[in-house]
């Protein structure tokens, strides 16, 4: 496994991370590992755009309903 060193973090950021770690019953190091692992699995904005475009391509030419109207109809029931 790799080791990382992060320098020059603001004290306020560190305090917030420590509080978050405490609320999750983890050490600061375990909390940072969890945050980094989660972020590594999160798609980038470019990846999200590509996903959206591929979904849109699957429904090209299919008439779409106005979601606002559908929500209002459901709410009015």
C-alpha atoms as a PDB file:
ATOM      1  CA  UNK A   1       0.000   0.000   0.000  1.00  0.00           C
ATOM      2  CA  UNK A   2       1.097   3.548  -0.704  1.00  0.00           C
ATOM      3  CA  UNK A   3       1.711   6.317   1.803  1.00  0.00           C
ATOM      4  CA  UNK A   4       0.741   9.932   1.177  1.00  0.00           C
ATOM      5  CA  UNK A   5       1.809  13.140   2.858  1.00  0.00           C
ATOM      6  CA  UNK A   6      -0.380  16.212   2.608  1.00  0.00           C
ATOM      7  CA  UNK A   7       1.221  19.467   3.610  1.00  0.00           C
ATOM      8  CA  UNK A   8      -0.107  22.924   4.409  1.00  0.00           C
ATOM      9  CA  UNK A   9      -3.687  22.028   5.347  1.00  0.00           C
ATOM     10  CA  UNK A  10      -5.557  24.821   7.089  1.00  0.00           C
ATOM     11  CA  UNK A  11      -6.105  24.181  10.795  1.00  0.00           C
ATOM     12  CA  UNK A  12      -9.832  24.713  10.267  1.00  0.00           C
ATOM     13  CA  UNK A  13      -9.944  21.972   7.625  1.00  0.00           C
ATOM     14  CA  UNK A  14      -8.114  19.575   9.941  1.00  0.00           C
ATOM     15  CA  UNK A  15     -10.503  20.403  12.788  1.00  0.00           C
ATOM     16  CA  UNK A  16     -13.510  19.689  10.555  1.00  0.00           C
ATOM     17  CA  UNK A  17     -11.997  16.395   9.409  1.00  0.00           C
ATOM     18  CA  UNK A  18     -11.302  15.384  13.014  1.00  0.00           C
ATOM     19  CA  UNK A  19     -14.893  16.207  13.979  1.00  0.00           C
ATOM     20  CA  UNK A  20     -16.163  14.169  11.042  1.00  0.00           C
ATOM     21  CA  UNK A  21     -13.938  11.261  12.062  1.00  0.00           C
ATOM     22  CA  UNK A  22     -15.228  11.458  15.641  1.00  0.00           C
ATOM     23  CA  UNK A  23     -18.845  11.453  14.466  1.00  0.00           C
ATOM     24  CA  UNK A  24     -18.111   8.307  12.433  1.00  0.00           C
ATOM     25  CA  UNK A  25     -16.250   6.664  15.330  1.00  0.00           C
ATOM     26  CA  UNK A  26     -13.038   6.512  13.309  1.00  0.00           C
ATOM     27  CA  UNK A  27      -9.525   7.811  13.644  1.00  0.00           C
ATOM     28  CA  UNK A  28      -8.595  10.764  11.475  1.00  0.00           C
ATOM     29  CA  UNK A  29      -6.454   8.450   9.336  1.00  0.00           C
ATOM     30  CA  UNK A  30      -9.320   5.966   8.847  1.00  0.00           C
ATOM     31  CA  UNK A  31     -11.690   8.811   7.991  1.00  0.00           C
ATOM     32  CA  UNK A  32      -9.295  10.178   5.382  1.00  0.00           C
ATOM     33  CA  UNK A  33      -8.894   6.701   3.856  1.00  0.00           C
ATOM     34  CA  UNK A  34     -12.683   6.374   3.631  1.00  0.00           C
ATOM     35  CA  UNK A  35     -13.065   9.830   2.037  1.00  0.00           C
ATOM     36  CA  UNK A  36     -10.315   9.167  -0.516  1.00  0.00           C
ATOM     37  CA  UNK A  37     -11.701   5.730  -1.409  1.00  0.00           C
ATOM     38  CA  UNK A  38     -15.186   7.189  -1.900  1.00  0.00           C
ATOM     39  CA  UNK A  39     -13.910  10.043  -4.044  1.00  0.00           C
ATOM     40  CA  UNK A  40     -11.806   7.699  -6.166  1.00  0.00           C
ATOM     41  CA  UNK A  41     -15.005   5.798  -7.044  1.00  0.00           C
ATOM     42  CA  UNK A  42     -17.005   8.954  -7.818  1.00  0.00           C
ATOM     43  CA  UNK A  43     -17.302   9.717 -11.545  1.00  0.00           C
ATOM     44  CA  UNK A  44     -15.669  12.920 -12.741  1.00  0.00           C
ATOM     45  CA  UNK A  45     -17.857  15.630 -14.295  1.00  0.00           C
ATOM     46  CA  UNK A  46     -16.626  14.524 -17.726  1.00  0.00           C
ATOM     47  CA  UNK A  47     -17.578  10.903 -16.984  1.00  0.00           C
ATOM     48  CA  UNK A  48     -21.021  12.028 -15.775  1.00  0.00           C
ATOM     49  CA  UNK A  49     -21.487  13.997 -19.004  1.00  0.00           C
ATOM     50  CA  UNK A  50     -20.570  10.917 -21.043  1.00  0.00           C
ATOM     51  CA  UNK A  51     -23.006   8.768 -19.035  1.00  0.00           C
ATOM     52  CA  UNK A  52     -25.795  11.311 -19.580  1.00  0.00           C
ATOM     53  CA  UNK A  53     -25.053  11.475 -23.298  1.00  0.00           C
ATOM     54  CA  UNK A  54     -25.156   7.682 -23.615  1.00  0.00           C
ATOM     55  CA  UNK A  55     -28.522   7.576 -21.826  1.00  0.00           C
ATOM     56  CA  UNK A  56     -29.849  10.355 -24.062  1.00  0.00           C
ATOM     57  CA  UNK A  57     -28.666   8.435 -27.133  1.00  0.00           C
ATOM     58  CA  UNK A  58     -30.748   5.429 -26.048  1.00  0.00           C
ATOM     59  CA  UNK A  59     -33.947   7.497 -26.056  1.00  0.00           C
ATOM     60  CA  UNK A  60     -33.349   9.678 -29.104  1.00  0.00           C
ATOM     61  CA  UNK A  61     -36.535  10.063 -31.111  1.00  0.00           C
ATOM     62  CA  UNK A  62     -38.736   8.898 -28.241  1.00  0.00           C
ATOM     63  CA  UNK A  63     -41.226  11.561 -27.148  1.00  0.00           C
ATOM     64  CA  UNK A  64     -40.544  12.700 -23.584  1.00  0.00           C
ATOM     65  CA  UNK A  65     -43.111  13.758 -20.999  1.00  0.00           C
ATOM     66  CA  UNK A  66     -42.816  17.006 -19.095  1.00  0.00           C
ATOM     67  CA  UNK A  67     -41.778  15.852 -15.618  1.00  0.00           C
ATOM     68  CA  UNK A  68     -43.219  18.986 -13.995  1.00  0.00           C
ATOM     69  CA  UNK A  69     -46.663  18.155 -15.338  1.00  0.00           C
ATOM     70  CA  UNK A  70     -46.377  14.546 -14.200  1.00  0.00           C
ATOM     71  CA  UNK A  71     -45.378  15.602 -10.681  1.00  0.00           C
ATOM     72  CA  UNK A  72     -48.277  18.071 -10.482  1.00  0.00           C
ATOM     73  CA  UNK A  73     -50.742  15.425 -11.683  1.00  0.00           C
ATOM     74  CA  UNK A  74     -49.473  12.968  -9.086  1.00  0.00           C
ATOM     75  CA  UNK A  75     -49.567  15.573  -6.325  1.00  0.00           C
ATOM     76  CA  UNK A  76     -53.131  16.587  -7.232  1.00  0.00           C
ATOM     77  CA  UNK A  77     -54.409  13.008  -6.903  1.00  0.00           C
END
